[in-house]
Amino acid sequence: MTDFIRTPEENFYDLSDFRFSPYFHTWQDMRMHYLDEGPRDGPVMLLVHGMPTWSYLYRDFISPLTEAGYRCIAPDHLGFGKSDKPTDINWYTIARHTEVLTSLIMTLDLNNITLVCQDWGGPTGLAQAAMMPERFERLVIMNTWLHHDGYEYCDNVSSWVQGWKEGGFYCH
């Protein structure tokens, strides 16, 4: 079991512009917070944040999207926002974040997804679209990237990227 910290809910009380109902997905005894707003039968907008943000980043997107009929799912990666925070710094890998996001998508049985991803939300979210293309309809990609074989990395980054290849979260 991974040791983690759970941020008390009262730490978020002063956020007057973030009055969404909290939902939690359990993954290996840890809670991943996510927002689930809008009609359950609406087309899905999966809003994936980067680092060092959390679902709060998308707070101004959600109301207009739900008013337009979209279902907005905005998770907080483990370690961010209202999600549990593993205490081992080595826990934090893109492969793990991708695995947790896969679990959320499968548990909620999300389909017809429009992925909106930013920063580190790109590698985790775009990996989902590459692994499960049948679940995705559109991509909105902002200030991010996806690792692939055709890109040549500098030596310092190459060893780090090797972990992605070994974890299976690298597009060929």
Protein backbone atom coordinates (compact mmCIF):
# COMPACT_ATOMS: atom_id res chain seq x y z
CA MET A 1 0.00 0.00 0.00
CA THR A 2 1.19 3.49 -0.82
CA ASP A 3 1.35 6.04 1.98
CA PHE A 4 -0.51 9.22 1.14
CA ILE A 5 -1.83 12.49 2.55
CA ARG A 6 -5.50 13.43 2.31
CA THR A 7 -6.04 17.19 2.20
CA PRO A 8 -8.93 18.23 4.48
CA GLU A 9 -12.00 19.51 2.63
CA GLU A 10 -11.99 22.71 4.71
CA ASN A 11 -8.77 23.75 2.92
CA PHE A 12 -10.96 24.42 -0.13
CA TYR A 13 -13.81 26.34 1.54
CA ASP A 14 -12.57 29.80 0.53
CA LEU A 15 -12.79 29.03 -3.19
CA SER A 16 -16.06 30.84 -3.86
CA ASP A 17 -15.74 30.28 -7.63
CA PHE A 18 -15.40 26.49 -7.24
CA ARG A 19 -18.77 25.24 -5.98
CA PHE A 20 -18.95 21.93 -7.80
CA SER A 21 -20.02 18.65 -6.22
CA PRO A 22 -17.00 16.47 -5.42
CA TYR A 23 -16.81 12.87 -6.64
CA PHE A 24 -14.12 10.35 -5.81
CA HIS A 25 -12.75 7.38 -7.72
CA THR A 26 -10.81 4.84 -5.65
CA TRP A 27 -7.62 3.44 -7.12
CA GLN A 28 -5.37 1.22 -4.99
CA ASP A 29 -6.88 2.58 -1.76
CA MET A 30 -6.32 6.20 -2.81
CA ARG A 31 -9.06 8.66 -3.75
CA MET A 32 -8.92 10.53 -7.03
CA HIS A 33 -11.17 13.57 -6.97
CA TYR A 34 -13.10 14.49 -10.08
CA LEU A 35 -15.92 16.77 -11.15
CA ASP A 36 -18.88 15.34 -13.04
CA GLU A 37 -21.14 18.15 -14.20
CA GLY A 38 -23.83 18.31 -16.85
CA PRO A 39 -26.28 15.82 -18.35
CA ARG A 40 -25.21 12.19 -17.90
CA ASP A 41 -26.28 11.42 -21.46
CA GLY A 42 -24.49 14.43 -22.98
CA PRO A 43 -21.33 14.22 -25.05
CA VAL A 44 -18.33 13.99 -22.71
CA MET A 45 -15.69 16.68 -22.26
CA LEU A 46 -12.74 15.14 -20.41
CA LEU A 47 -10.76 18.08 -19.01
CA VAL A 48 -7.26 16.91 -18.02
CA HIS A 49 -5.02 19.36 -16.19
CA GLY A 50 -1.26 19.64 -16.11
CA MET A 51 1.29 20.48 -13.46
CA PRO A 52 1.03 22.19 -10.96
CA THR A 53 -2.70 22.75 -11.46
CA TRP A 54 -5.86 20.74 -10.73
CA SER A 55 -9.49 20.71 -11.91
CA TYR A 56 -9.81 24.28 -10.60
CA LEU A 57 -8.05 25.28 -13.84
CA TYR A 58 -11.22 24.45 -15.79
CA ARG A 59 -13.75 26.09 -13.43
CA ASP A 60 -14.69 28.81 -15.97
CA PHE A 61 -15.11 26.27 -18.80
CA ILE A 62 -17.58 24.02 -17.03
CA SER A 63 -20.74 26.18 -16.79
CA PRO A 64 -20.77 27.25 -20.46
CA LEU A 65 -20.07 23.67 -21.56
CA THR A 66 -22.79 22.15 -19.40
CA GLU A 67 -25.23 24.84 -20.56
CA ALA A 68 -24.42 23.73 -24.11
CA GLY A 69 -25.36 20.16 -23.17
CA TYR A 70 -21.94 18.66 -22.45
CA ARG A 71 -21.06 16.37 -19.56
CA CYS A 72 -17.80 17.67 -18.07
CA ILE A 73 -15.45 15.28 -16.29
CA ALA A 74 -12.48 17.07 -14.71
CA PRO A 75 -10.22 14.81 -12.62
CA ASP A 76 -7.48 15.87 -10.24
CA HIS A 77 -4.45 13.67 -10.81
CA LEU A 78 -3.33 11.91 -7.63
CA GLY A 79 -1.05 14.36 -5.85
CA PHE A 80 -3.05 17.41 -6.97
CA GLY A 81 -6.10 19.36 -5.80
CA LYS A 82 -8.61 17.37 -3.77
CA SER A 83 -7.08 13.99 -4.67
CA ASP A 84 -4.94 12.00 -2.26
CA LYS A 85 -1.23 12.77 -2.40
CA PRO A 86 1.24 9.85 -2.35
CA THR A 87 4.18 10.70 -0.09
CA ASP A 88 6.82 8.79 -2.09
CA ILE A 89 8.22 11.13 -4.74
CA ASN A 90 9.06 8.10 -6.90
CA TRP A 91 5.36 7.26 -7.13
CA TYR A 92 4.81 10.14 -9.54
CA THR A 93 5.25 8.89 -13.09
CA ILE A 94 3.29 9.59 -16.22
CA ALA A 95 2.72 5.84 -16.52
CA ARG A 96 1.00 5.78 -13.11
CA HIS A 97 -1.07 8.89 -13.81
CA THR A 98 -2.09 7.30 -17.11
CA GLU A 99 -3.07 4.06 -15.37
CA VAL A 100 -5.24 5.95 -12.87
CA LEU A 101 -6.91 7.99 -15.62
CA THR A 102 -7.59 4.78 -17.58
CA SER A 103 -9.26 3.34 -14.49
CA LEU A 104 -11.50 6.41 -14.16
CA ILE A 105 -12.51 6.33 -17.84
CA MET A 106 -13.33 2.62 -17.63
CA THR A 107 -15.21 2.90 -14.32
CA LEU A 108 -17.36 5.76 -15.60
CA ASP A 109 -17.65 3.98 -18.98
CA LEU A 110 -16.91 7.22 -20.84
CA ASN A 111 -17.41 7.25 -24.61
CA ASN A 112 -17.74 9.88 -27.33
CA ILE A 113 -15.07 11.83 -25.46
CA THR A 114 -13.74 15.21 -26.43
CA LEU A 115 -10.36 15.33 -24.70
CA VAL A 116 -9.23 18.76 -23.53
CA CYS A 117 -5.66 18.52 -22.29
CA GLN A 118 -3.07 21.01 -21.14
CA ASP A 119 0.59 20.65 -20.09
CA TRP A 120 1.13 17.25 -18.38
CA GLY A 121 -2.50 16.47 -19.12
CA GLY A 122 -1.29 15.96 -22.70
CA PRO A 123 0.88 12.89 -22.18
CA THR A 124 -1.67 11.27 -19.86
CA GLY A 125 -4.76 12.23 -21.86
CA LEU A 126 -3.30 11.69 -25.32
CA ALA A 127 -2.06 8.27 -24.22
CA GLN A 128 -5.73 7.44 -23.50
CA ALA A 129 -6.76 8.50 -26.99
CA ALA A 130 -3.95 6.42 -28.49
CA MET A 131 -4.77 3.33 -26.38
CA MET A 132 -8.57 3.58 -26.65
CA PRO A 133 -9.31 5.48 -29.88
CA GLU A 134 -12.82 4.00 -30.05
CA ARG A 135 -13.77 6.06 -26.97
CA PHE A 136 -12.59 9.43 -28.34
CA GLU A 137 -14.26 11.75 -30.85
CA ARG A 138 -12.18 14.95 -30.67
CA LEU A 139 -8.96 16.34 -29.25
CA VAL A 140 -8.39 19.87 -27.96
CA ILE A 141 -4.65 20.07 -27.32
CA MET A 142 -3.20 23.08 -25.50
CA ASN A 143 0.46 23.70 -24.69
CA THR A 144 1.47 20.04 -24.48
CA TRP A 145 3.05 17.10 -26.30
CA LEU A 146 2.94 13.33 -26.82
CA HIS A 147 6.12 11.26 -26.76
CA HIS A 148 6.75 9.23 -29.92
CA ASP A 149 9.53 7.20 -31.53
CA GLY A 150 10.31 9.76 -34.20
CA TYR A 151 11.42 12.44 -31.76
CA GLU A 152 15.08 12.68 -30.75
CA TYR A 153 15.58 13.72 -27.16
CA CYS A 154 18.70 15.17 -25.57
CA ASP A 155 20.69 12.74 -23.40
CA ASN A 156 19.25 14.07 -20.12
CA VAL A 157 15.68 13.47 -21.24
CA SER A 158 16.31 10.17 -23.09
CA SER A 159 16.75 8.08 -19.93
CA TRP A 160 13.62 9.62 -18.41
CA VAL A 161 11.60 8.84 -21.55
CA GLN A 162 12.85 5.23 -21.49
CA GLY A 163 10.58 4.68 -18.46
CA TRP A 164 7.62 5.63 -20.61
CA LYS A 165 8.58 3.06 -23.22
CA GLU A 166 8.99 0.36 -20.60
CA GLY A 167 5.67 1.27 -18.99
CA GLY A 168 3.87 0.98 -22.32
CA PHE A 169 2.78 4.63 -22.42
CA TYR A 170 4.68 5.67 -25.50
CA CYS A 171 3.15 5.97 -28.96
CA HIS A 172 4.80 4.19 -31.87
